[in-house]
Protein backbone atom coordinates (compact mmCIF):
# COMPACT_ATOMS: atom_id res chain seq x y z
CA UNK A 1 -15.39 -35.15 13.37
CA UNK A 2 -12.66 -37.93 12.65
CA UNK A 3 -14.56 -39.31 9.76
CA UNK A 4 -15.02 -35.59 8.23
CA UNK A 5 -11.42 -34.97 8.67
CA UNK A 6 -10.40 -38.14 7.09
CA UNK A 7 -12.64 -37.85 4.08
CA UNK A 8 -10.68 -34.33 3.19
CA UNK A 9 -8.47 -35.02 0.42
CA UNK A 10 -5.64 -33.09 -0.74
CA UNK A 11 -3.81 -32.42 -3.94
CA UNK A 12 -0.98 -34.50 -4.67
CA UNK A 13 2.10 -34.69 -7.11
CA UNK A 14 2.14 -32.19 -10.34
CA UNK A 15 -1.56 -31.03 -9.62
CA UNK A 16 -0.55 -29.77 -6.08
CA UNK A 17 2.44 -27.63 -7.23
CA UNK A 18 0.60 -26.42 -10.27
CA UNK A 19 -2.17 -25.22 -7.92
CA UNK A 20 0.25 -23.58 -5.63
CA UNK A 21 2.21 -21.84 -8.43
CA UNK A 22 -1.01 -20.50 -9.99
CA UNK A 23 -2.16 -19.23 -6.73
CA UNK A 24 1.18 -17.62 -5.52
CA UNK A 25 1.77 -16.12 -9.08
CA UNK A 26 -1.73 -14.51 -8.98
CA UNK A 27 -0.67 -13.08 -5.32
CA UNK A 28 2.40 -11.93 -6.57
CA UNK A 29 0.93 -10.10 -9.57
CA UNK A 30 -1.58 -8.25 -7.26
CA UNK A 31 1.24 -7.35 -4.88
CA UNK A 32 3.44 -6.04 -7.84
CA UNK A 33 0.71 -3.84 -9.07
CA UNK A 34 0.33 -2.31 -5.53
CA UNK A 35 3.76 -0.81 -5.79
CA UNK A 36 4.65 -0.98 -9.66
CA UNK A 37 3.39 2.63 -10.31
CA UNK A 38 5.10 4.20 -7.51
CA UNK A 39 8.33 4.80 -9.49
CA UNK A 40 6.49 5.81 -12.65
CA UNK A 41 3.83 8.42 -11.14
CA UNK A 42 6.00 11.36 -12.37
CA UNK A 43 6.01 10.14 -15.90
CA UNK A 44 2.23 9.30 -15.88
CA UNK A 45 1.54 12.65 -14.41
CA UNK A 46 3.42 14.21 -17.26
CA UNK A 47 1.95 12.21 -19.71
CA UNK A 48 -1.64 12.66 -18.81
CA UNK A 49 -1.78 16.19 -17.31
CA UNK A 50 -2.26 15.68 -13.86
CA UNK A 51 -0.75 17.53 -10.68
CA UNK A 52 1.11 15.81 -8.02
CA UNK A 53 -1.85 15.75 -5.72
CA UNK A 54 -4.07 14.35 -8.30
CA UNK A 55 -1.88 11.60 -9.63
CA UNK A 56 -1.98 10.21 -6.02
CA UNK A 57 -5.60 8.88 -6.97
CA UNK A 58 -3.84 6.30 -9.38
CA UNK A 59 -2.26 4.72 -5.96
CA UNK A 60 -5.21 5.32 -3.67
CA UNK A 61 -8.14 4.13 -6.13
CA UNK A 62 -6.36 0.66 -6.00
CA UNK A 63 -5.90 0.67 -2.42
CA UNK A 64 -9.58 1.72 -1.75
CA UNK A 65 -11.03 -1.20 -4.00
CA UNK A 66 -8.64 -3.45 -1.98
CA UNK A 67 -10.02 -2.33 1.40
CA UNK A 68 -13.49 -2.85 0.20
CA UNK A 69 -13.11 -6.16 -1.35
CA UNK A 70 -10.87 -7.99 1.12
CA UNK A 71 -13.49 -8.48 3.72
CA UNK A 72 -15.95 -9.62 1.30
CA UNK A 73 -13.94 -12.24 -0.51
CA UNK A 74 -14.71 -15.01 1.74
CA UNK A 75 -18.55 -14.33 1.38
CA UNK A 76 -18.35 -13.94 -2.37
CA UNK A 77 -16.12 -17.22 -2.60
CA UNK A 78 -18.54 -19.34 -0.82
CA UNK A 79 -21.45 -17.60 -2.77
CA UNK A 80 -20.22 -18.40 -6.01
CA UNK A 81 -17.51 -21.12 -5.66
CA UNK A 82 -13.79 -20.53 -5.24
CA UNK A 83 -13.01 -22.01 -8.52
CA UNK A 84 -15.47 -19.69 -10.41
CA UNK A 85 -14.75 -16.59 -8.24
CA UNK A 86 -10.90 -17.05 -8.25
CA UNK A 87 -11.13 -17.05 -12.24
CA UNK A 88 -13.49 -14.63 -12.47
CA UNK A 89 -10.99 -12.23 -10.45
CA UNK A 90 -8.01 -13.08 -12.62
CA UNK A 91 -10.13 -12.02 -15.91
CA UNK A 92 -11.20 -8.83 -14.19
CA UNK A 93 -7.72 -8.20 -13.04
CA UNK A 94 -6.28 -8.91 -16.67
CA UNK A 95 -8.90 -6.89 -18.48
CA UNK A 96 -8.69 -3.88 -16.06
CA UNK A 97 -4.74 -4.00 -16.56
CA UNK A 98 -5.47 -3.76 -20.55
CA UNK A 99 -7.66 -0.67 -19.77
CA UNK A 100 -5.38 0.98 -17.50
CA UNK A 101 -2.55 0.93 -20.13
CA UNK A 102 -4.94 2.43 -22.80
CA UNK A 103 -6.11 5.16 -20.48
CA UNK A 104 -5.76 8.59 -21.84
CA UNK A 105 -6.66 10.83 -18.84
CA UNK A 106 -6.54 10.84 -15.27
CA UNK A 107 -9.89 9.87 -14.41
CA UNK A 108 -10.02 6.77 -16.89
CA UNK A 109 -6.92 5.62 -15.33
CA UNK A 110 -8.16 5.87 -11.68
CA UNK A 111 -11.62 4.31 -12.78
CA UNK A 112 -9.73 1.18 -14.07
CA UNK A 113 -7.37 1.10 -11.33
CA UNK A 114 -10.31 0.94 -8.78
CA UNK A 115 -11.67 -2.05 -10.89
CA UNK A 116 -8.19 -3.65 -10.92
CA UNK A 117 -8.23 -3.39 -7.29
CA UNK A 118 -11.39 -5.31 -7.01
CA UNK A 119 -9.89 -8.28 -9.10
CA UNK A 120 -6.45 -8.00 -7.28
CA UNK A 121 -7.85 -7.84 -3.75
CA UNK A 122 -9.77 -11.02 -4.25
CA UNK A 123 -6.69 -12.68 -5.82
CA UNK A 124 -4.65 -12.00 -2.77
CA UNK A 125 -7.21 -13.10 -0.27
CA UNK A 126 -8.24 -16.26 -1.91
CA UNK A 127 -4.73 -17.09 -2.84
CA UNK A 128 -3.91 -17.89 0.83
CA UNK A 129 -6.77 -20.00 1.31
CA UNK A 130 -6.01 -22.10 -1.83
CA UNK A 131 -2.32 -22.68 -0.74
CA UNK A 132 -3.19 -23.57 3.06
CA UNK A 133 -5.96 -25.92 1.85
CA UNK A 134 -3.23 -27.85 -0.35
CA UNK A 135 -1.54 -28.87 2.66
CA UNK A 136 -2.62 -31.14 5.66
CA UNK A 137 -2.92 -29.26 9.05
CA UNK A 138 0.44 -30.62 10.49
CA UNK A 139 2.05 -28.72 7.45
CA UNK A 140 0.35 -25.43 7.61
CA UNK A 141 3.68 -23.77 8.52
CA UNK A 142 4.95 -24.91 5.11
CA UNK A 143 2.17 -23.32 3.32
CA UNK A 144 2.41 -19.94 5.12
CA UNK A 145 6.06 -20.12 4.36
CA UNK A 146 5.33 -20.41 0.60
CA UNK A 147 2.71 -17.63 0.80
CA UNK A 148 5.12 -15.50 2.84
CA UNK A 149 8.02 -15.66 0.19
CA UNK A 150 5.43 -14.60 -2.28
CA UNK A 151 4.30 -11.42 -0.35
CA UNK A 152 7.93 -10.62 -0.24
CA UNK A 153 8.72 -10.98 -3.74
CA UNK A 154 5.82 -8.82 -5.06
CA UNK A 155 6.47 -5.60 -3.40
CA UNK A 156 10.18 -6.09 -3.78
CA UNK A 157 10.28 -6.13 -7.55
CA UNK A 158 7.20 -3.93 -8.19
CA UNK A 159 9.22 -0.71 -8.06
CA UNK A 160 12.27 -2.33 -9.84
CA UNK A 161 9.91 -3.54 -12.65
CA UNK A 162 7.92 -0.35 -13.01
CA UNK A 163 11.17 1.71 -13.03
CA UNK A 164 12.99 -0.46 -15.91
CA UNK A 165 9.77 -0.63 -18.07
CA UNK A 166 9.10 3.32 -17.70
CA UNK A 167 12.72 4.26 -18.48
CA UNK A 168 13.10 1.57 -21.36
CA UNK A 169 9.45 1.59 -22.77
CA UNK A 170 6.59 3.49 -21.37
CA UNK A 171 4.50 3.70 -18.34
CA UNK A 172 1.74 1.99 -20.19
CA UNK A 173 3.75 -1.24 -20.30
CA UNK A 174 3.71 -1.74 -16.53
CA UNK A 175 0.02 -2.57 -17.11
CA UNK A 176 0.43 -4.71 -20.56
CA UNK A 177 2.73 -6.95 -19.02
CA UNK A 178 0.17 -8.22 -16.76
CA UNK A 179 -2.05 -9.61 -19.98
CA UNK A 180 0.09 -12.62 -20.97
CA UNK A 181 0.47 -13.73 -17.33
CA UNK A 182 -3.24 -13.21 -16.71
CA UNK A 183 -4.38 -15.38 -19.67
CA UNK A 184 -2.19 -18.11 -18.30
CA UNK A 185 -3.41 -17.75 -14.91
CA UNK A 186 -6.78 -17.81 -16.01
CA UNK A 187 -6.23 -21.26 -17.71
CA UNK A 188 -4.52 -22.67 -14.86
CA UNK A 189 -7.21 -21.65 -12.32
CA UNK A 190 -9.99 -22.89 -14.21
CA UNK A 191 -8.48 -26.13 -14.52
CA UNK A 192 -6.64 -26.70 -11.22
CA UNK A 193 -8.49 -24.63 -8.52
CA UNK A 194 -11.35 -26.51 -6.65
CA UNK A 195 -14.15 -25.02 -4.48
CA UNK A 196 -13.43 -25.03 -0.72
CA UNK A 197 -14.54 -28.51 1.09
CA UNK A 198 -17.47 -27.77 3.32
CA UNK A 199 -18.10 -24.13 2.15
CA UNK A 200 -21.77 -23.36 2.62
CA UNK A 201 -23.54 -20.57 0.58
CA UNK A 202 -24.78 -17.50 2.57
CA UNK A 203 -28.27 -17.80 3.43
CA UNK A 204 -28.57 -14.09 2.39
CA UNK A 205 -26.48 -11.42 1.09
CA UNK A 206 -25.85 -8.37 3.07
CA UNK A 207 -26.26 -6.14 0.04
CA UNK A 208 -26.74 -2.81 2.07
CA UNK A 209 -23.86 -3.52 4.28
CA UNK A 210 -21.84 -3.67 1.02
CA UNK A 211 -23.27 -0.49 -0.31
CA UNK A 212 -22.82 1.38 3.16
CA UNK A 213 -19.06 0.14 3.24
CA UNK A 214 -18.45 1.44 -0.38
CA UNK A 215 -19.96 4.93 0.62
CA UNK A 216 -17.77 5.12 3.77
CA UNK A 217 -14.54 4.37 2.33
CA UNK A 218 -15.19 6.22 -1.02
CA UNK A 219 -16.47 9.48 0.51
CA UNK A 220 -13.52 9.40 3.18
CA UNK A 221 -11.04 9.18 0.39
CA UNK A 222 -12.55 12.01 -1.66
CA UNK A 223 -12.55 14.15 1.27
CA UNK A 224 -8.94 13.58 1.92
CA UNK A 225 -7.76 13.71 -1.46
CA UNK A 226 -9.55 16.90 -2.64
CA UNK A 227 -9.91 18.84 0.76
CA UNK A 228 -6.87 20.97 0.24
CA UNK A 229 -7.52 21.83 -3.55
CA UNK A 230 -11.17 22.85 -2.64
CA UNK A 231 -10.47 24.80 0.70
CA UNK A 232 -12.08 21.95 2.81
CA UNK A 233 -15.53 22.82 4.37
CA UNK A 234 -15.67 26.22 2.37
CA UNK A 235 -16.64 23.94 -0.64
CA UNK A 236 -20.11 22.24 -0.81
CA UNK A 237 -18.85 18.98 -2.20
CA UNK A 238 -16.24 18.39 0.78
CA UNK A 239 -19.24 19.31 3.15
CA UNK A 240 -21.65 16.94 1.37
CA UNK A 241 -19.07 14.22 1.05
CA UNK A 242 -18.01 14.41 4.87
CA UNK A 243 -21.76 14.22 5.69
CA UNK A 244 -22.11 10.93 3.48
CA UNK A 245 -19.10 9.67 5.24
CA UNK A 246 -20.30 9.99 8.79
CA UNK A 247 -23.74 8.90 8.07
CA UNK A 248 -22.80 5.89 5.89
CA UNK A 249 -20.26 4.87 8.59
CA UNK A 250 -23.07 5.04 11.31
CA UNK A 251 -25.30 3.20 8.80
CA UNK A 252 -22.84 0.53 8.13
CA UNK A 253 -21.99 -0.09 11.95
CA UNK A 254 -25.65 -0.55 12.93
CA UNK A 255 -26.41 -2.50 10.06
CA UNK A 256 -23.63 -5.05 10.67
CA UNK A 257 -24.49 -5.16 14.38
CA UNK A 258 -28.23 -5.73 13.65
CA UNK A 259 -28.19 -8.63 11.49
CA UNK A 260 -26.99 -12.35 11.55
CA UNK A 261 -25.53 -12.29 8.33
CA UNK A 262 -23.34 -9.24 8.14
CA UNK A 263 -20.95 -8.84 5.30
CA UNK A 264 -18.14 -7.89 7.64
CA UNK A 265 -18.35 -9.42 11.26
CA UNK A 266 -17.54 -6.31 13.30
CA UNK A 267 -18.67 -7.67 16.36
CA UNK A 268 -15.33 -9.42 16.51
CA UNK A 269 -14.07 -5.85 17.59
CA UNK A 270 -15.58 -6.86 21.23
CA UNK A 271 -12.18 -8.83 21.27
CA UNK A 272 -9.81 -6.24 22.98
CA UNK A 273 -6.53 -7.41 21.23
CA UNK A 274 -8.11 -7.17 17.76
CA UNK A 275 -9.52 -3.68 18.50
CA UNK A 276 -5.90 -2.67 19.64
CA UNK A 277 -4.06 -4.52 16.79
CA UNK A 278 -6.45 -2.74 14.34
CA UNK A 279 -5.09 0.51 15.42
CA UNK A 280 -1.58 -0.80 15.06
CA UNK A 281 -2.44 -2.06 11.57
CA UNK A 282 -3.63 1.44 10.53
CA UNK A 283 -0.26 2.87 11.74
CA UNK A 284 1.47 0.16 9.73
CA UNK A 285 -0.50 0.90 6.57
CA UNK A 286 0.51 4.48 6.74
CA UNK A 287 4.02 3.89 7.32
CA UNK A 288 4.34 0.78 4.61
CA UNK A 289 2.40 2.51 1.79
CA UNK A 290 3.19 6.12 2.83
CA UNK A 291 6.96 5.64 2.66
CA UNK A 292 6.89 3.80 -0.70
CA UNK A 293 4.75 6.50 -2.14
CA UNK A 294 6.81 9.59 -0.98
CA UNK A 295 10.31 8.05 -1.49
CA UNK A 296 10.01 7.69 -5.42
CA UNK A 297 8.67 11.29 -5.93
CA UNK A 298 11.63 12.64 -3.36
CA UNK A 299 14.18 10.77 -5.34
CA UNK A 300 13.12 11.64 -8.79
CA UNK A 301 12.10 15.26 -8.17
CA UNK A 302 14.60 16.58 -5.68
CA UNK A 303 17.64 14.11 -6.37
CA UNK A 304 17.22 13.65 -10.06
CA UNK A 305 17.12 10.11 -10.07
CA UNK A 306 15.47 7.74 -12.93
CA UNK A 307 12.73 5.67 -12.39
CA UNK A 308 15.10 2.48 -12.70
CA UNK A 309 17.49 3.84 -10.22
CA UNK A 310 14.70 4.14 -7.62
CA UNK A 311 13.20 0.98 -8.24
CA UNK A 312 16.56 -0.74 -7.96
CA UNK A 313 17.31 1.15 -4.64
CA UNK A 314 14.50 -0.20 -2.92
CA UNK A 315 15.53 -4.02 -3.33
CA UNK A 316 18.02 -3.89 -0.27
CA UNK A 317 14.93 -2.66 2.07
CA UNK A 318 12.80 -5.47 0.98
CA UNK A 319 15.49 -8.05 1.11
CA UNK A 320 16.18 -7.21 4.71
CA UNK A 321 12.59 -7.57 5.35
CA UNK A 322 12.78 -11.10 4.04
CA UNK A 323 15.72 -11.84 6.13
CA UNK A 324 13.90 -10.44 9.18
CA UNK A 325 10.53 -12.19 8.88
CA UNK A 326 11.96 -15.97 9.33
CA UNK A 327 13.86 -14.54 12.26
CA UNK A 328 10.91 -12.87 13.94
CA UNK A 329 8.81 -16.09 13.14
CA UNK A 330 11.46 -18.20 15.24
CA UNK A 331 11.19 -15.52 17.91
CA UNK A 332 7.34 -15.89 18.23
CA UNK A 333 7.33 -19.66 18.11
CA UNK A 334 9.88 -19.81 20.97
CA UNK A 335 7.62 -17.76 23.01
CA UNK A 336 9.28 -14.22 22.93
CA UNK A 337 6.90 -11.39 24.11
CA UNK A 338 5.49 -9.99 20.70
CA UNK A 339 5.39 -6.58 22.26
CA UNK A 340 9.13 -6.38 22.68
CA UNK A 341 9.46 -7.42 19.09
CA UNK A 342 7.24 -4.65 17.82
CA UNK A 343 8.97 -1.98 19.98
CA UNK A 344 12.15 -2.99 18.48
CA UNK A 345 10.66 -2.62 14.93
CA UNK A 346 9.08 0.73 15.85
CA UNK A 347 12.86 1.87 17.19
CA UNK A 348 14.12 0.70 13.65
CA UNK A 349 11.49 2.77 11.64
CA UNK A 350 11.97 5.69 13.67
CA UNK A 351 15.54 6.06 13.24
CA UNK A 352 14.86 5.37 9.36
CA UNK A 353 12.40 8.24 9.26
CA UNK A 354 14.74 10.50 11.27
CA UNK A 355 17.59 9.91 9.08
CA UNK A 356 15.47 10.44 5.81
CA UNK A 357 14.38 13.84 7.36
CA UNK A 358 17.99 15.10 6.97
CA UNK A 359 18.54 14.59 3.26
CA UNK A 360 20.04 17.36 1.47
CA UNK A 361 20.69 18.24 -2.46
CA UNK A 362 24.03 16.63 -2.24
CA UNK A 363 22.41 13.47 -0.74
CA UNK A 364 23.40 10.16 -2.67
CA UNK A 365 22.15 6.69 -2.56
CA UNK A 366 25.05 5.99 -0.22
CA UNK A 367 23.24 8.15 2.21
CA UNK A 368 20.01 6.17 2.09
CA UNK A 369 21.34 2.54 2.37
CA UNK A 370 21.50 2.02 5.98
CA UNK A 371 18.28 4.14 6.75
CA UNK A 372 16.42 1.52 4.23
CA UNK A 373 18.10 -1.53 5.82
CA UNK A 374 16.26 -0.21 8.87
CA UNK A 375 13.16 0.10 7.20
CA UNK A 376 13.12 -3.32 6.07
CA UNK A 377 14.07 -4.80 9.43
CA UNK A 378 11.57 -2.44 11.20
CA UNK A 379 8.67 -3.76 9.01
CA UNK A 380 9.53 -7.45 9.51
CA UNK A 381 9.58 -6.94 13.34
CA UNK A 382 6.20 -5.22 13.28
CA UNK A 383 4.21 -7.19 10.74
CA UNK A 384 3.74 -10.77 12.05
CA UNK A 385 3.88 -9.60 15.84
CA UNK A 386 1.13 -7.38 15.18
CA UNK A 387 -1.34 -9.58 13.35
CA UNK A 388 -0.66 -12.41 15.94
CA UNK A 389 -1.36 -10.50 18.81
CA UNK A 390 -4.46 -8.81 17.36
CA UNK A 391 -5.97 -12.62 16.44
CA UNK A 392 -4.66 -14.08 19.64
CA UNK A 393 -7.51 -15.96 21.26
CA UNK A 394 -9.69 -16.14 18.09
CA UNK A 395 -10.32 -19.75 16.53
CA UNK A 396 -11.82 -21.29 13.62
CA UNK A 397 -14.07 -18.92 11.43
CA UNK A 398 -13.57 -15.96 13.80
CA UNK A 399 -9.79 -16.44 13.39
CA UNK A 400 -10.03 -16.28 9.52
CA UNK A 401 -12.41 -13.05 9.74
CA UNK A 402 -9.92 -11.48 12.04
CA UNK A 403 -7.27 -11.85 9.95
CA UNK A 404 -9.18 -10.55 7.05
CA UNK A 405 -10.44 -7.23 9.32
CA UNK A 406 -6.48 -6.66 10.31
CA UNK A 407 -5.53 -6.79 6.86
CA UNK A 408 -8.39 -4.52 5.58
CA UNK A 409 -7.39 -2.05 8.36
CA UNK A 410 -3.91 -2.10 7.10
CA UNK A 411 -4.76 -1.35 3.57
CA UNK A 412 -7.18 1.26 4.61
CA UNK A 413 -4.25 2.83 6.50
CA UNK A 414 -2.07 2.79 3.35
CA UNK A 415 -5.01 4.65 1.38
CA UNK A 416 -5.41 7.37 4.34
CA UNK A 417 -1.74 7.48 4.57
CA UNK A 418 -1.01 8.47 1.12
CA UNK A 419 -4.08 10.95 1.15
CA UNK A 420 -2.77 12.73 4.32
CA UNK A 421 0.87 12.74 3.07
CA UNK A 422 -0.39 14.66 0.07
CA UNK A 423 -2.48 17.00 2.03
CA UNK A 424 0.70 17.81 4.40
CA UNK A 425 3.21 18.03 1.25
CA UNK A 426 0.53 20.64 -0.32
CA UNK A 427 0.49 22.62 2.71
CA UNK A 428 4.41 22.45 3.38
CA UNK A 429 5.30 23.26 -0.27
CA UNK A 430 3.17 26.54 0.13
CA UNK A 431 4.48 27.42 3.28
CA UNK A 432 8.33 26.68 2.40
CA UNK A 433 7.77 28.56 -0.80
CA UNK A 434 6.38 31.54 1.19
CA UNK A 435 9.44 31.56 3.31
CA UNK A 436 11.98 31.66 0.33
CA UNK A 437 10.58 33.72 -2.02
CA UNK A 438 11.21 37.01 -0.20
CA UNK A 439 15.02 36.36 -0.07
CA UNK A 440 14.89 36.67 -4.18
CA UNK A 441 14.73 40.47 -4.46
CA UNK A 442 16.84 43.29 -6.00
CA UNK A 443 18.13 44.06 -2.51
CA UNK A 444 19.86 40.72 -1.98
CA UNK A 445 23.47 40.56 -3.34
CA UNK A 446 23.50 36.67 -3.35
CA UNK A 447 20.24 36.43 -5.48
CA UNK A 448 21.55 39.41 -7.66
CA UNK A 449 24.79 37.14 -8.24
CA UNK A 450 22.84 34.09 -8.98
CA UNK A 451 20.76 35.89 -11.65
CA UNK A 452 23.78 37.59 -13.22
CA UNK A 453 25.81 34.51 -13.37
CA UNK A 454 22.90 32.57 -15.04
CA UNK A 455 22.49 35.56 -17.33
CA UNK A 456 25.98 35.32 -18.35
CA UNK A 457 25.67 31.54 -19.17
CA UNK A 458 22.90 32.04 -21.46
CA UNK A 459 24.53 35.03 -23.20
CA UNK A 460 27.47 32.84 -23.76
CA UNK A 461 25.13 30.34 -25.36
CA UNK A 462 24.02 32.82 -28.09
CA UNK A 463 20.91 33.93 -26.47
CA UNK A 464 19.89 37.57 -26.66
CA UNK A 465 19.85 39.45 -23.36
CA UNK A 466 16.00 39.55 -23.05
CA UNK A 467 15.85 35.76 -23.59
CA UNK A 468 18.98 35.15 -21.38
CA UNK A 469 17.47 36.89 -18.43
CA UNK A 470 14.05 35.24 -18.87
CA UNK A 471 15.77 31.89 -18.83
CA UNK A 472 17.93 32.77 -15.82
CA UNK A 473 14.77 33.80 -13.79
CA UNK A 474 13.26 30.33 -14.90
CA UNK A 475 16.69 28.55 -13.79
CA UNK A 476 16.41 30.27 -10.23
CA UNK A 477 12.72 29.45 -9.90
CA UNK A 478 13.49 25.87 -10.70
CA UNK A 479 16.37 25.62 -7.95
CA UNK A 480 13.90 27.23 -5.57
CA UNK A 481 11.13 24.63 -6.61
CA UNK A 482 13.58 21.80 -6.10
CA UNK A 483 14.72 23.38 -2.71
CA UNK A 484 11.02 23.60 -1.25
CA UNK A 485 10.21 20.17 -2.54
CA UNK A 486 13.39 18.52 -0.65
CA UNK A 487 12.25 20.45 2.41
CA UNK A 488 8.57 19.50 2.23
CA UNK A 489 9.67 15.91 1.61
CA UNK A 490 12.17 15.97 4.70
CA UNK A 491 9.48 17.31 6.94
CA UNK A 492 7.11 14.61 5.70
CA UNK A 493 9.46 11.95 6.88
CA UNK A 494 9.76 13.67 9.78
CA UNK A 495 6.17 13.95 10.78
CA UNK A 496 5.63 10.22 10.03
CA UNK A 497 8.40 9.59 12.35
CA UNK A 498 6.67 11.44 15.00
CA UNK A 499 3.43 9.63 14.34
CA UNK A 500 5.07 6.29 14.62
CA UNK A 501 5.96 7.28 18.21
CA UNK A 502 2.26 7.40 18.91
CA UNK A 503 2.06 3.74 18.52
CA UNK A 504 4.25 2.89 21.69
CA UNK A 505 1.52 3.57 24.15
CA UNK A 506 -0.89 1.28 22.11
CA UNK A 507 1.64 -1.49 22.39
CA UNK A 508 1.79 -1.46 25.97
CA UNK A 509 -2.23 -1.57 26.11
CA UNK A 510 -2.25 -4.85 24.24
CA UNK A 511 -2.63 -7.89 26.39
CA UNK A 512 -0.13 -10.75 26.18
CA UNK A 513 -0.11 -13.84 28.62
CA UNK A 514 3.30 -15.25 28.65
CA UNK A 515 1.77 -18.78 29.24
CA UNK A 516 0.24 -19.08 25.96
CA UNK A 517 1.98 -18.58 22.67
CA UNK A 518 0.48 -16.26 20.04
CA UNK A 519 -0.45 -17.59 16.85
CA UNK A 520 2.02 -17.07 13.98
CA UNK A 521 -0.17 -15.64 11.49
CA UNK A 522 0.80 -14.97 7.99
CA UNK A 523 0.17 -11.47 7.09
CA UNK A 524 -1.28 -10.89 3.83
């Protein structure tokens, strides 16, 4: 073993830092594209003629393919060689970005976002192994610190970059900017990335496992996204895909447990903490991606913010997360109970969500700074401790696969969370509008005064009486629409907050022995 360890060589000098820069740039690129479209959804939906419910597929398609590819990346990397697989993933991501920018309708964009996510998920998962492999074991903390800064920078500047590009160019350019970066990354990865030392090609490929995984995740997501529009189980399509989801999930579990070369080693869920940690990661994904999805729509539709304003506003939250992560790392390293740290994080995020649920039409950016500071700190206090507790006790190959499973579940939580929030908002919009409309009638003095005032406004602009009245009613209808959306978003934040409280009993169920310090794992 000592001879083998001595034989391992690490890159040095300029080669080492070019390799690290290449890997971290690709990881940042993938993470930017996870959030870059969020502030541009309104413009994209208007350009391609999609509804608010339909446009969510642009986000969830990327998340679904991430969920599918992340647990398979290690296998593909060993099968094809890390250098070839990483370079191919960069090319795939770059080409898919080009096609996303050229898309002219919703489902063309959704398809290429799915393909982009396949390449991006591989970049994110493989980048960490490349960075860690560039350092000897005694400097592993340095490697994880470098990668950790990358995963902070990506989500931080994604919304800002997306907002600026959308306001000053067009939404197509949020994808086109990836192309020159992708070309440079392709050349660097082919010349500097090496195959993992000691990697062995899988004896067999679990093709059926991969097929069942795709069928399960895809069917679940279709049911969640389209259920409301198709009246749920009154629709044959929803019923069919629900049955497919259940059967393929059963087949996937049975397949992975019955063979000795599974695509996803779900036997690791025999580990109690990994199972509990996965539930926590699911909730974390719903919070992380769900709130990033809902806030830009809320700010732009209900408060009239521009895409740039929305993107810039989200930077302080990410900077607070960046500040909190090293602090949490020191607390974990000193032996603090991770369960206590997680509970503090849940408290921060709960207060954030409750404060957001009281937004009004008069709310300004000043009303949201403090809540978003709490959000950033809350995420920092939850991310690393949850993953560290989940993989406590795992070693070697099991540790790597456990981290992969935990991250897969978090990404799945994000995809499911966005779909569930969309379902909730659709129902709430109908419910709130139904309760508001009865107050707009000929017997309401307030309603009549508003209509008369609006009519006089348009008459003073030179419109005929008939046109002025029609425009007045449209203005009132728009005001009602904005109010209903605001109330729906407020209640959406409130429900996510209540959902977060469900995590508290799970935290207490996780086992932690004070005598053993948890592994400080890098979340990715």
